[in-house]
Protein backbone atom coordinates (compact mmCIF):
# COMPACT_ATOMS: atom_id res chain seq x y z
CA MET A 1 12.96 -13.21 8.96
CA ARG A 2 9.61 -12.72 11.14
CA ARG A 3 10.16 -9.08 10.66
CA SER A 4 12.67 -7.81 8.34
CA ILE A 5 13.40 -5.11 5.59
CA HIS A 6 15.39 -5.69 2.73
CA LEU A 7 17.28 -3.43 0.38
CA ALA A 8 17.43 -5.91 -2.58
CA ASP A 9 16.07 -7.05 -5.99
CA ASN A 10 12.76 -8.58 -4.81
CA LEU A 11 13.24 -11.62 -7.00
CA ASP A 12 16.25 -12.76 -5.35
CA VAL A 13 14.22 -12.29 -1.87
CA LEU A 14 11.38 -14.11 -3.25
CA GLN A 15 13.48 -17.05 -4.53
CA ALA A 16 15.18 -17.40 -1.18
CA LEU A 17 11.79 -17.57 0.58
CA GLY A 18 10.45 -21.50 1.32
CA GLY A 19 7.12 -22.32 -0.35
CA GLY A 20 3.98 -21.79 1.37
CA SER A 21 5.75 -19.60 3.98
CA VAL A 22 3.51 -16.38 3.59
CA ASP A 23 0.12 -15.93 4.65
CA LEU A 24 -1.03 -12.73 2.95
CA ILE A 25 0.89 -10.79 0.19
CA TYR A 26 0.25 -7.02 -0.46
CA ILE A 27 1.83 -5.49 -3.54
CA ASP A 28 1.59 -2.04 -4.75
CA PRO A 29 4.26 -2.21 -7.92
CA PRO A 30 4.71 0.79 -9.85
CA PHE A 31 1.99 1.75 -12.07
CA ASN A 32 3.93 2.29 -15.24
CA THR A 33 2.45 5.69 -15.97
CA GLY A 34 5.35 6.88 -18.21
CA ARG A 35 6.21 9.39 -15.48
CA VAL A 36 8.44 10.37 -13.31
CA GLN A 37 7.23 10.08 -9.78
CA ARG A 38 7.79 13.13 -7.39
CA HIS A 39 7.16 14.52 -4.07
CA ALA A 40 8.62 17.75 -2.77
CA ARG A 41 9.12 18.08 0.56
CA ILE A 42 8.58 21.76 2.00
CA SER A 43 8.64 23.53 5.41
CA THR A 44 6.37 26.56 6.26
CA ARG A 45 6.74 29.54 8.86
CA ARG A 46 4.32 32.30 9.51
CA ALA A 47 5.40 35.59 7.42
CA ALA A 48 3.23 38.47 6.62
CA ASP A 49 4.89 38.64 2.88
CA GLY A 50 4.45 34.76 2.75
CA ASP A 51 3.78 33.19 -0.72
CA ARG A 52 0.69 31.11 0.51
CA THR A 53 -2.55 31.66 2.58
CA GLY A 54 -3.38 29.28 5.36
CA PHE A 55 -6.17 29.25 7.84
CA GLN A 56 -8.34 32.59 8.46
CA GLY A 57 -6.09 34.30 5.74
CA MET A 58 -2.85 33.70 7.55
CA ARG A 59 0.16 34.15 5.24
CA TYR A 60 3.16 31.72 5.38
CA ALA A 61 6.53 31.50 3.43
CA THR A 62 7.48 28.11 2.19
CA GLU A 63 11.02 26.64 1.81
CA ARG A 64 11.96 23.57 -0.46
CA LEU A 65 13.69 21.08 1.58
CA GLY A 66 14.07 18.72 -1.45
CA GLU A 67 12.41 16.05 -3.52
CA ARG A 68 11.96 12.56 -3.95
CA SER A 69 11.28 10.61 -7.22
CA PHE A 70 11.59 7.65 -9.09
CA PRO A 71 10.84 6.73 -12.78
CA ASP A 72 7.69 4.93 -13.40
CA SER A 73 8.19 3.48 -16.82
CA ARG A 74 9.14 0.08 -18.28
CA ASP A 75 8.83 -1.35 -21.65
CA ASP A 76 8.28 -4.82 -20.75
CA PHE A 77 5.90 -4.19 -17.90
CA LEU A 78 4.50 -7.85 -17.61
CA GLY A 79 7.61 -9.34 -18.41
CA PHE A 80 8.89 -7.68 -15.39
CA LEU A 81 6.07 -9.00 -13.13
CA ALA A 82 5.52 -12.27 -14.39
CA PRO A 83 8.62 -14.24 -12.83
CA ARG A 84 7.94 -12.37 -9.34
CA LEU A 85 4.21 -13.13 -9.21
CA ARG A 86 5.05 -17.07 -9.91
CA GLU A 87 7.51 -16.76 -6.81
CA ALA A 88 4.39 -15.00 -4.96
CA HIS A 89 2.13 -17.90 -5.90
CA ARG A 90 4.67 -20.37 -4.77
CA VAL A 91 5.51 -18.66 -1.24
CA LEU A 92 2.01 -17.89 -0.55
CA ALA A 93 0.47 -20.61 2.05
CA GLU A 94 -2.34 -22.64 0.97
CA ASP A 95 -5.01 -20.91 2.52
CA GLY A 96 -3.12 -17.31 1.67
CA THR A 97 -4.20 -14.19 -0.21
CA LEU A 98 -2.53 -11.69 -2.78
CA TYR A 99 -3.68 -8.37 -2.88
CA PHE A 100 -2.41 -6.81 -6.32
CA HIS A 101 -2.81 -2.90 -6.09
CA ILE A 102 -2.61 -1.08 -9.51
CA ASP A 103 -4.74 1.40 -11.62
CA TYR A 104 -6.85 1.77 -14.70
CA ARG A 105 -3.83 1.70 -17.29
CA GLU A 106 -2.32 -1.92 -16.48
CA VAL A 107 -5.12 -3.42 -14.75
CA HIS A 108 -6.63 -5.66 -17.33
CA TYR A 109 -3.39 -6.86 -18.87
CA CYS A 110 -2.22 -7.69 -15.11
CA LYS A 111 -5.45 -9.52 -14.43
CA VAL A 112 -4.93 -11.85 -17.40
CA LEU A 113 -1.46 -12.57 -15.90
CA LEU A 114 -2.51 -13.36 -12.77
CA ASP A 115 -5.62 -15.68 -14.04
CA GLU A 116 -2.61 -17.18 -15.86
CA ILE A 117 -0.65 -17.62 -12.70
CA PHE A 118 -3.12 -18.30 -10.17
CA GLY A 119 -5.84 -19.87 -12.14
CA ARG A 120 -9.29 -17.94 -12.91
CA PRO A 121 -11.13 -19.53 -9.95
CA SER A 122 -8.67 -18.28 -7.56
CA PHE A 123 -9.99 -14.70 -8.48
CA LEU A 124 -11.80 -13.36 -5.43
CA ASN A 125 -12.46 -9.82 -5.74
CA GLU A 126 -11.41 -6.55 -7.75
CA VAL A 127 -11.77 -3.76 -5.01
CA ILE A 128 -12.14 -0.23 -6.37
CA TRP A 129 -10.18 2.39 -3.86
CA ALA A 130 -11.90 5.75 -4.60
CA TYR A 131 -10.73 9.11 -3.72
CA ASP A 132 -11.29 12.57 -4.97
CA TYR A 133 -8.29 14.86 -5.15
CA GLY A 134 -5.96 16.44 -7.68
CA ALA A 135 -6.37 18.24 -10.96
CA ARG A 136 -9.55 17.40 -13.21
CA THR A 137 -9.54 17.02 -16.94
CA THR A 138 -12.38 18.09 -18.92
CA ARG A 139 -11.70 16.06 -22.07
CA ARG A 140 -12.82 12.81 -20.39
CA TRP A 141 -14.29 11.43 -17.34
CA PRO A 142 -11.77 12.25 -14.48
CA PRO A 143 -9.85 8.91 -13.27
CA LYS A 144 -10.24 9.03 -9.33
CA HIS A 145 -9.74 5.59 -8.24
CA ASP A 146 -7.24 2.70 -8.09
CA ASN A 147 -7.80 -1.15 -8.65
CA ILE A 148 -7.11 -3.88 -6.15
CA LEU A 149 -7.02 -7.34 -7.57
CA VAL A 150 -7.55 -10.04 -5.09
CA TYR A 151 -6.41 -13.94 -5.56
CA VAL A 152 -6.43 -16.58 -3.20
CA LYS A 153 -4.18 -19.70 -3.52
CA ASP A 154 -7.18 -22.00 -2.89
CA PRO A 155 -10.88 -20.95 -3.60
CA ARG A 156 -11.98 -23.52 -1.33
CA ARG A 157 -10.05 -22.53 1.82
CA TYR A 158 -8.68 -19.07 2.54
CA THR A 159 -8.71 -16.39 5.57
CA PHE A 160 -11.49 -13.83 5.57
CA ASN A 161 -12.24 -12.32 8.69
CA ALA A 162 -15.49 -10.18 8.08
CA ASP A 163 -16.26 -9.52 11.86
CA ALA A 164 -12.73 -7.87 12.04
CA VAL A 165 -12.88 -5.17 9.43
CA ASP A 166 -13.81 -1.84 10.17
CA ARG A 167 -17.59 -1.13 9.51
CA ILE A 168 -19.06 1.75 7.31
CA PRO A 169 -22.18 3.58 7.68
CA TYR A 170 -25.45 2.80 5.90
CA MET A 171 -26.30 5.14 3.30
CA ALA A 172 -29.90 4.97 4.39
CA PRO A 173 -29.71 4.11 8.08
CA GLY A 174 -33.61 4.54 8.82
CA LEU A 175 -34.25 1.70 6.57
CA VAL A 176 -32.16 -0.84 8.73
CA GLY A 177 -33.08 0.01 12.40
CA GLU A 178 -31.12 1.64 15.11
CA GLU A 179 -29.07 -1.44 16.04
CA LYS A 180 -27.87 -2.24 12.57
CA ALA A 181 -27.38 1.43 11.64
CA ALA A 182 -25.33 1.98 15.10
CA ARG A 183 -23.12 -1.17 14.13
CA GLY A 184 -22.49 -0.27 10.44
CA LYS A 185 -22.01 -2.65 7.58
CA LEU A 186 -19.23 -4.65 6.14
CA PRO A 187 -17.74 -2.57 3.22
CA THR A 188 -18.26 -3.74 -0.33
CA ASP A 189 -15.77 -3.77 -3.25
CA THR A 190 -15.85 -0.30 -3.37
CA TRP A 191 -13.64 1.71 -0.70
CA TRP A 192 -14.21 5.37 -0.29
CA HIS A 193 -11.26 6.53 1.61
CA THR A 194 -9.06 9.75 1.46
CA ILE A 195 -5.40 9.66 0.12
CA VAL A 196 -2.59 10.44 2.61
CA PRO A 197 -3.25 14.07 3.69
CA THR A 198 -0.47 16.50 2.48
CA ALA A 199 0.18 18.01 5.73
CA GLY A 200 -1.00 15.00 8.00
CA PRO A 201 1.01 13.31 10.48
CA GLU A 202 0.80 9.93 8.61
CA ARG A 203 2.97 11.82 5.50
CA THR A 204 6.26 10.35 5.04
CA GLY A 205 7.23 12.22 2.13
CA TYR A 206 7.33 9.08 -0.20
CA PRO A 207 5.79 9.97 -3.55
CA THR A 208 3.21 6.86 -4.07
CA GLN A 209 2.44 6.25 -0.47
CA LYS A 210 -0.84 4.72 0.34
CA PRO A 211 -3.05 5.38 3.26
CA ILE A 212 -2.57 3.20 6.31
CA GLY A 213 -6.41 2.64 6.71
CA ILE A 214 -6.11 0.79 3.29
CA LEU A 215 -3.70 -1.39 4.58
CA ARG A 216 -5.38 -2.07 8.28
CA ARG A 217 -8.67 -3.25 6.30
CA ILE A 218 -6.60 -5.96 4.11
CA VAL A 219 -4.54 -6.80 6.90
CA LEU A 220 -7.64 -7.60 9.33
CA ALA A 221 -9.65 -9.04 6.76
CA SER A 222 -7.26 -11.50 5.42
CA SER A 223 -4.78 -12.73 8.11
CA ASP A 224 -4.53 -13.59 11.90
CA PRO A 225 -2.38 -12.30 14.40
CA GLY A 226 1.07 -13.70 14.20
CA ASP A 227 0.82 -14.33 10.54
CA LEU A 228 3.47 -13.47 8.34
CA VAL A 229 2.67 -10.47 5.62
CA LEU A 230 4.99 -9.95 2.49
CA ASP A 231 5.15 -6.83 0.63
CA PHE A 232 7.88 -6.65 -2.04
CA PHE A 233 7.33 -3.38 -3.38
CA ALA A 234 7.31 -1.81 0.32
CA GLY A 235 8.36 1.81 -0.69
CA SER A 236 7.31 3.86 2.37
CA GLY A 237 6.58 0.65 4.57
CA THR A 238 2.92 1.20 4.96
CA THR A 239 2.16 -2.40 5.05
CA GLY A 240 4.94 -2.93 7.96
CA ALA A 241 3.36 -0.13 9.99
CA ALA A 242 -0.28 -1.79 9.68
CA CYS A 243 1.32 -5.27 10.70
CA LEU A 244 2.90 -3.76 13.86
CA GLU A 245 -0.13 -1.93 14.87
CA LEU A 246 -2.15 -5.46 14.34
CA GLY A 247 0.23 -7.98 15.70
CA ARG A 248 1.52 -9.30 12.41
CA ASP A 249 4.92 -10.22 11.21
CA PHE A 250 6.29 -8.83 7.89
CA ILE A 251 8.89 -8.93 5.15
CA LEU A 252 9.32 -5.33 3.50
CA VAL A 253 11.35 -5.44 0.22
CA ASP A 254 12.60 -2.48 -1.87
CA ASP A 255 15.40 -1.71 -4.34
CA SER A 256 15.58 2.02 -3.74
CA PRO A 257 17.66 3.28 -1.12
CA GLN A 258 15.37 6.27 -0.82
CA ALA A 259 12.73 3.93 0.33
CA LEU A 260 14.81 2.48 2.92
CA GLU A 261 15.56 5.67 4.28
CA VAL A 262 12.03 6.76 4.62
CA MET A 263 11.31 3.27 6.45
CA ALA A 264 14.18 3.76 8.67
CA ARG A 265 12.62 7.12 9.93
CA ARG A 266 9.33 5.59 10.12
CA PHE A 267 10.41 2.50 12.34
CA SER A 268 13.12 4.38 14.46
CA GLY A 269 12.67 3.16 17.70
CA VAL A 270 10.80 -0.32 16.89
CA GLU A 271 13.05 -3.26 18.28
CA GLY A 272 13.24 -6.43 16.59
CA ILE A 273 13.59 -5.54 13.10
CA GLU A 274 16.26 -6.96 10.82
CA TRP A 275 17.71 -5.20 8.34
CA SER A 276 19.36 -6.26 5.05
CA GLY A 277 21.41 -4.57 2.82
CA TYR A 278 20.85 -1.17 4.58
CA GLU A 279 22.12 -0.06 8.06
CA PRO A 280 20.06 2.36 9.73
CA THR A 281 21.92 5.36 11.69
CA PRO A 282 20.76 7.10 14.45
CA GLY A 283 20.32 10.32 12.18
CA ASP A 284 17.69 8.53 10.15
CA GLY A 285 15.02 9.16 13.06
CA GLN A 286 15.78 12.72 12.95
CA ARG A 287 15.84 13.74 9.10
């Protein structure tokens, strides 16, 4: 299963994996927002009487093509996560790393659970992914970040490739000299990165798709070429896309047929992927 995609209950797949067989795990579980996550798919054409305005005042008419959605609510969120995270700890290699992506609603409860499973000394970082989009409330500070908890199996021995990671500009380049300013600096634990643009080529139509730039940074930092990366809440397959680009193998798991349809389109034409529980059809690459 060096490059495989599974339509399955992720607990079943985790239990079938050998102990210490995975070098890096990234998961982006449902955030338990209590809402239905939705993403509408539309097409546009230029029309003088269109319903939206584009660049330089051009008018466009939109046509709704459909909607993808899933319920994001569980009465016992931690009870759902706990057996899966215990299996994640078991299958993680001794020098492996887990990235757990969540938001402000559940992050504190999840950290206590992960401390219990991995041990508090194995907590490496809390990365803050900061972005700026969407509506703004005037009743509190508008929340515009996600939390990524980083745990290692062994705090004395783990992979971290600082030199492989993309560099970011210095805020005051004049204070560090030309050579350092040209090279940039290693990102801190606060990552400023845009969301997936609504009309960008990266967009798959999946409601909670994460930017490939975030996954590139994680994969480069915490794995080596040829390593095996696991994402058992795979969604749109961004982890797999980053792995293909960077020469890593992957196991992707999701229990949503909609997610597998998106991944089938995303990986259409890529050879060497084993599909389990789902059979891509020629039309998947066209829809």
